[in-house]
Amino acid sequence: MNNIKARPWTFLTYHGRVLVYLVKHPQATCREIAQEAGVTERAIQKVIHDLIADGYIIRRKVGRGNKYQIHPELPMRHNMEREHAVGDLIRALG
């Protein structure tokens, strides 16, 4: 018998989770997102960098913090989901 404990899987990647979280909390810090997601701040910084680089979010400085704006009209990235915009995911998750 295998002694390796299987990691629980989820339906969304961290990129999807961060995107949905930023819609509800556009001024969240990386620390807040990391605590909510259960990963390191560095991991969240990379996810945010990816989302910015591909145009899914825009980061604007507001005082000492940031405010994020989502581009919900952009298509999802995987070939099986490209016919859907990220806004469809955001609306589905409420």
C-alpha atoms as a PDB file:
ATOM      1  CA  MET A   1       0.000   0.000   0.000  1.00  0.00           C
ATOM      2  CA  ASN A   2       1.187   3.488  -0.830  1.00  0.00           C
ATOM      3  CA  ASN A   3       2.049   5.631   2.228  1.00  0.00           C
ATOM      4  CA  ILE A   4       2.029   8.902   0.271  1.00  0.00           C
ATOM      5  CA  LYS A   5      -0.889  11.017   1.335  1.00  0.00           C
ATOM      6  CA  ALA A   6      -2.646  12.479  -1.682  1.00  0.00           C
ATOM      7  CA  ARG A   7      -2.937  16.249  -1.750  1.00  0.00           C
ATOM      8  CA  PRO A   8      -6.512  17.416  -2.067  1.00  0.00           C
ATOM      9  CA  TRP A   9      -7.171  18.877  -5.484  1.00  0.00           C
ATOM     10  CA  THR A  10      -9.286  21.888  -6.352  1.00  0.00           C
ATOM     11  CA  PHE A  11     -11.114  23.130  -9.424  1.00  0.00           C
ATOM     12  CA  LEU A  12      -9.318  26.467  -9.704  1.00  0.00           C
ATOM     13  CA  THR A  13      -5.651  27.309 -10.092  1.00  0.00           C
ATOM     14  CA  TYR A  14      -4.085  30.018  -7.948  1.00  0.00           C
ATOM     15  CA  HIS A  15      -4.367  32.333 -10.948  1.00  0.00           C
ATOM     16  CA  GLY A  16      -8.132  31.808 -11.023  1.00  0.00           C
ATOM     17  CA  ARG A  17      -8.438  32.228  -7.276  1.00  0.00           C
ATOM     18  CA  VAL A  18      -6.410  35.443  -7.240  1.00  0.00           C
ATOM     19  CA  LEU A  19      -8.425  36.877 -10.109  1.00  0.00           C
ATOM     20  CA  VAL A  20     -11.740  36.152  -8.377  1.00  0.00           C
ATOM     21  CA  TYR A  21     -10.395  37.446  -5.039  1.00  0.00           C
ATOM     22  CA  LEU A  22      -9.240  40.728  -6.601  1.00  0.00           C
ATOM     23  CA  VAL A  23     -12.687  41.344  -8.069  1.00  0.00           C
ATOM     24  CA  LYS A  24     -14.112  41.294  -4.546  1.00  0.00           C
ATOM     25  CA  HIS A  25     -11.071  42.919  -2.883  1.00  0.00           C
ATOM     26  CA  PRO A  26      -9.396  45.241  -5.438  1.00  0.00           C
ATOM     27  CA  GLN A  27      -7.117  46.850  -2.842  1.00  0.00           C
ATOM     28  CA  ALA A  28      -5.965  43.626  -1.190  1.00  0.00           C
ATOM     29  CA  THR A  29      -2.284  43.242  -0.381  1.00  0.00           C
ATOM     30  CA  CYS A  30      -0.210  40.246  -1.428  1.00  0.00           C
ATOM     31  CA  ARG A  31      -0.047  39.273   2.236  1.00  0.00           C
ATOM     32  CA  GLU A  32      -3.845  39.263   2.553  1.00  0.00           C
ATOM     33  CA  ILE A  33      -4.261  37.229  -0.623  1.00  0.00           C
ATOM     34  CA  ALA A  34      -1.527  34.790   0.429  1.00  0.00           C
ATOM     35  CA  GLN A  35      -3.154  34.241   3.828  1.00  0.00           C
ATOM     36  CA  GLU A  36      -6.526  33.619   2.206  1.00  0.00           C
ATOM     37  CA  ALA A  37      -5.062  31.277  -0.440  1.00  0.00           C
ATOM     38  CA  GLY A  38      -2.749  29.438   1.954  1.00  0.00           C
ATOM     39  CA  VAL A  39       0.436  30.073  -0.044  1.00  0.00           C
ATOM     40  CA  THR A  40       3.450  32.349   0.270  1.00  0.00           C
ATOM     41  CA  GLU A  41       3.460  36.031  -0.587  1.00  0.00           C
ATOM     42  CA  ARG A  42       6.124  35.293  -3.179  1.00  0.00           C
ATOM     43  CA  ALA A  43       3.798  32.826  -4.921  1.00  0.00           C
ATOM     44  CA  ILE A  44       1.046  35.458  -5.023  1.00  0.00           C
ATOM     45  CA  GLN A  45       3.480  38.069  -6.358  1.00  0.00           C
ATOM     46  CA  LYS A  46       4.315  35.705  -9.223  1.00  0.00           C
ATOM     47  CA  VAL A  47       0.638  35.048  -9.959  1.00  0.00           C
ATOM     48  CA  ILE A  48      -0.106  38.788  -9.982  1.00  0.00           C
ATOM     49  CA  HIS A  49       2.907  39.383 -12.227  1.00  0.00           C
ATOM     50  CA  ASP A  50       1.587  36.729 -14.657  1.00  0.00           C
ATOM     51  CA  LEU A  51      -1.914  38.243 -14.660  1.00  0.00           C
ATOM     52  CA  ILE A  52      -0.521  41.735 -15.289  1.00  0.00           C
ATOM     53  CA  ALA A  53       1.886  40.542 -18.009  1.00  0.00           C
ATOM     54  CA  ASP A  54      -0.960  38.874 -19.905  1.00  0.00           C
ATOM     55  CA  GLY A  55      -3.297  41.856 -19.505  1.00  0.00           C
ATOM     56  CA  TYR A  56      -5.880  40.250 -17.235  1.00  0.00           C
ATOM     57  CA  ILE A  57      -5.366  42.848 -14.510  1.00  0.00           C
ATOM     58  CA  ILE A  58      -3.960  46.360 -14.205  1.00  0.00           C
ATOM     59  CA  ARG A  59      -2.221  47.521 -11.019  1.00  0.00           C
ATOM     60  CA  ARG A  60      -2.502  51.178 -10.029  1.00  0.00           C
ATOM     61  CA  LYS A  61      -0.765  52.818  -7.109  1.00  0.00           C
ATOM     62  CA  VAL A  62      -3.168  54.326  -4.578  1.00  0.00           C
ATOM     63  CA  GLY A  63      -1.271  56.028  -1.794  1.00  0.00           C
ATOM     64  CA  ARG A  64       1.059  53.398  -0.333  1.00  0.00           C
ATOM     65  CA  GLY A  65      -0.969  50.494  -1.690  1.00  0.00           C
ATOM     66  CA  ASN A  66      -2.266  49.142  -4.960  1.00  0.00           C
ATOM     67  CA  LYS A  67      -5.660  48.879  -6.572  1.00  0.00           C
ATOM     68  CA  TYR A  68      -6.309  46.184  -9.153  1.00  0.00           C
ATOM     69  CA  GLN A  69      -8.659  46.406 -12.103  1.00  0.00           C
ATOM     70  CA  ILE A  70      -9.771  43.239 -13.879  1.00  0.00           C
ATOM     71  CA  HIS A  71     -10.312  42.910 -17.633  1.00  0.00           C
ATOM     72  CA  PRO A  72     -13.294  40.513 -17.594  1.00  0.00           C
ATOM     73  CA  GLU A  73     -13.690  40.559 -21.386  1.00  0.00           C
ATOM     74  CA  LEU A  74     -10.439  38.678 -22.037  1.00  0.00           C
ATOM     75  CA  PRO A  75     -10.708  35.001 -22.965  1.00  0.00           C
ATOM     76  CA  MET A  76      -9.722  32.205 -20.637  1.00  0.00           C
ATOM     77  CA  ARG A  77      -6.340  30.741 -21.574  1.00  0.00           C
ATOM     78  CA  HIS A  78      -6.860  27.009 -22.046  1.00  0.00           C
ATOM     79  CA  ASN A  79      -8.018  25.838 -25.474  1.00  0.00           C
ATOM     80  CA  MET A  80     -11.041  24.086 -23.951  1.00  0.00           C
ATOM     81  CA  GLU A  81     -12.216  27.331 -22.300  1.00  0.00           C
ATOM     82  CA  ARG A  82     -11.153  29.977 -24.826  1.00  0.00           C
ATOM     83  CA  GLU A  83     -14.732  30.553 -25.932  1.00  0.00           C
ATOM     84  CA  HIS A  84     -15.451  31.931 -22.449  1.00  0.00           C
ATOM     85  CA  ALA A  85     -14.265  35.235 -21.040  1.00  0.00           C
ATOM     86  CA  VAL A  86     -12.762  35.381 -17.547  1.00  0.00           C
ATOM     87  CA  GLY A  87     -15.813  37.465 -16.638  1.00  0.00           C
ATOM     88  CA  ASP A  88     -17.939  34.342 -17.176  1.00  0.00           C
ATOM     89  CA  LEU A  89     -15.903  32.580 -14.471  1.00  0.00           C
ATOM     90  CA  ILE A  90     -16.133  35.565 -12.162  1.00  0.00           C
ATOM     91  CA  ARG A  91     -19.921  35.786 -12.571  1.00  0.00           C
ATOM     92  CA  ALA A  92     -20.328  32.037 -12.072  1.00  0.00           C
ATOM     93  CA  LEU A  93     -18.429  32.187  -8.779  1.00  0.00           C
ATOM     94  CA  GLY A  94     -20.347  35.245  -7.614  1.00  0.00           C
END
